[in-house]
C-alpha atoms as a PDB file:
ATOM      1  CA  MET A   1     -15.657   5.066 -16.878  1.00  0.00           C
ATOM      2  CA  ILE A   2     -16.334   2.724 -19.884  1.00  0.00           C
ATOM      3  CA  VAL A   3     -13.000   0.089 -19.920  1.00  0.00           C
ATOM      4  CA  CYS A   4     -14.531  -1.867 -22.629  1.00  0.00           C
ATOM      5  CA  VAL A   5     -16.268   0.085 -25.757  1.00  0.00           C
ATOM      6  CA  CYS A   6     -17.022  -2.938 -27.487  1.00  0.00           C
ATOM      7  CA  HIS A   7     -19.064  -4.696 -25.221  1.00  0.00           C
ATOM      8  CA  ASN A   8     -19.879  -1.337 -22.720  1.00  0.00           C
ATOM      9  CA  VAL A   9     -18.364  -2.389 -19.568  1.00  0.00           C
ATOM     10  CA  SER A  10     -17.282  -0.092 -17.019  1.00  0.00           C
ATOM     11  CA  ASP A  11     -15.354  -0.231 -14.297  1.00  0.00           C
ATOM     12  CA  ARG A  12     -17.970  -0.090 -11.944  1.00  0.00           C
ATOM     13  CA  ALA A  13     -19.208  -3.336 -13.623  1.00  0.00           C
ATOM     14  CA  ILE A  14     -15.334  -4.958 -13.089  1.00  0.00           C
ATOM     15  CA  ARG A  15     -15.138  -3.876  -9.210  1.00  0.00           C
ATOM     16  CA  SER A  16     -18.454  -5.389  -9.039  1.00  0.00           C
ATOM     17  CA  ALA A  17     -17.610  -8.451 -10.593  1.00  0.00           C
ATOM     18  CA  MET A  18     -14.381  -8.476  -8.084  1.00  0.00           C
ATOM     19  CA  ASP A  19     -16.578  -7.981  -5.254  1.00  0.00           C
ATOM     20  CA  ALA A  20     -18.950 -10.792  -5.758  1.00  0.00           C
ATOM     21  CA  GLY A  21     -16.031 -13.179  -6.106  1.00  0.00           C
ATOM     22  CA  ALA A  22     -14.014 -12.798  -9.509  1.00  0.00           C
ATOM     23  CA  ALA A  23     -10.396 -13.280  -8.568  1.00  0.00           C
ATOM     24  CA  SER A  24      -8.433 -13.111 -12.017  1.00  0.00           C
ATOM     25  CA  LEU A  25      -8.965 -10.864 -15.580  1.00  0.00           C
ATOM     26  CA  SER A  26      -9.665 -14.432 -16.737  1.00  0.00           C
ATOM     27  CA  GLU A  27     -12.662 -14.928 -14.576  1.00  0.00           C
ATOM     28  CA  ILE A  28     -13.722 -10.902 -15.403  1.00  0.00           C
ATOM     29  CA  GLN A  29     -13.381 -11.869 -19.115  1.00  0.00           C
ATOM     30  CA  ALA A  30     -15.725 -15.032 -18.589  1.00  0.00           C
ATOM     31  CA  GLN A  31     -18.231 -12.980 -16.765  1.00  0.00           C
ATOM     32  CA  LEU A  32     -18.377  -9.780 -18.382  1.00  0.00           C
ATOM     33  CA  ASN A  33     -17.300 -10.547 -22.149  1.00  0.00           C
ATOM     34  CA  ILE A  34     -14.534  -8.200 -21.872  1.00  0.00           C
ATOM     35  CA  GLY A  35     -11.787  -8.045 -24.421  1.00  0.00           C
ATOM     36  CA  ALA A  36     -13.357 -10.567 -26.530  1.00  0.00           C
ATOM     37  CA  CYS A  37     -13.247  -8.301 -29.498  1.00  0.00           C
ATOM     38  CA  CYS A  38     -10.549  -5.958 -30.179  1.00  0.00           C
ATOM     39  CA  GLY A  39      -8.379  -6.211 -26.786  1.00  0.00           C
ATOM     40  CA  LYS A  40      -7.719  -2.486 -26.406  1.00  0.00           C
ATOM     41  CA  CYS A  41      -9.298  -3.396 -22.649  1.00  0.00           C
ATOM     42  CA  LEU A  42      -7.204  -5.443 -21.789  1.00  0.00           C
ATOM     43  CA  PRO A  43      -4.536  -3.410 -19.789  1.00  0.00           C
ATOM     44  CA  SER A  44      -6.730  -1.291 -18.187  1.00  0.00           C
ATOM     45  CA  ALA A  45      -8.927  -4.006 -16.926  1.00  0.00           C
ATOM     46  CA  LYS A  46      -5.777  -6.093 -15.780  1.00  0.00           C
ATOM     47  CA  ALA A  47      -4.870  -2.947 -13.781  1.00  0.00           C
ATOM     48  CA  LEU A  48      -7.921  -2.694 -12.051  1.00  0.00           C
ATOM     49  CA  VAL A  49      -7.303  -6.155 -11.015  1.00  0.00           C
ATOM     50  CA  ASN A  50      -3.969  -5.442  -9.628  1.00  0.00           C
ATOM     51  CA  GLU A  51      -5.504  -2.707  -7.906  1.00  0.00           C
ATOM     52  CA  HIS A  52      -8.150  -4.736  -6.071  1.00  0.00           C
ATOM     53  CA  HIS A  53      -5.424  -7.533  -5.534  1.00  0.00           C
ATOM     54  CA  GLU A  54      -3.677  -4.740  -3.493  1.00  0.00           C
ATOM     55  CA  ASP A  55      -6.129  -3.247  -1.772  1.00  0.00           C
ATOM     56  CA  ILE A  56      -7.082  -6.677  -0.381  1.00  0.00           C
ATOM     57  CA  ALA A  57      -3.266  -6.977   0.543  1.00  0.00           C
ATOM     58  CA  THR A  58      -3.354  -3.621   2.150  1.00  0.00           C
ATOM     59  CA  ARG A  59      -6.553  -4.759   4.404  1.00  0.00           C
ATOM     60  CA  PHE A  60      -5.270  -7.751   5.334  1.00  0.00           C
ATOM     61  CA  THR A  61      -1.565  -6.171   6.394  1.00  0.00           C
ATOM     62  CA  ALA A  62      -3.929  -3.651   8.544  1.00  0.00           C
ATOM     63  CA  LEU A  63      -5.771  -6.181  10.103  1.00  0.00           C
ATOM     64  CA  ARG A  64      -2.911  -8.639  10.973  1.00  0.00           C
ATOM     65  CA  ARG A  65      -1.146  -5.495  12.645  1.00  0.00           C
ATOM     66  CA  GLU A  66      -4.355  -4.641  14.771  1.00  0.00           C
ATOM     67  CA  LEU A  67      -4.614  -8.454  15.735  1.00  0.00           C
ATOM     68  CA  VAL A  68      -1.040  -9.133  16.617  1.00  0.00           C
ATOM     69  CA  ALA A  69      -1.179  -5.613  18.526  1.00  0.00           C
ATOM     70  CA  ALA A  70      -4.096  -6.786  20.659  1.00  0.00           C
END
């Protein structure tokens, strides 16, 4: 899905940037130039960043439980 129409940036590109180490919306903005024009994409981009952080937290919690149980 295209998140930033102005710069033709997809959700996949945003997820890729996060997988490569981008940890915040501002880092993603710097890498992909999203939000630099009209800004309408920023709420969707922020939601993707939050989702990514929640996924990491969930994986961390599951791993921690496994380690405690072992």
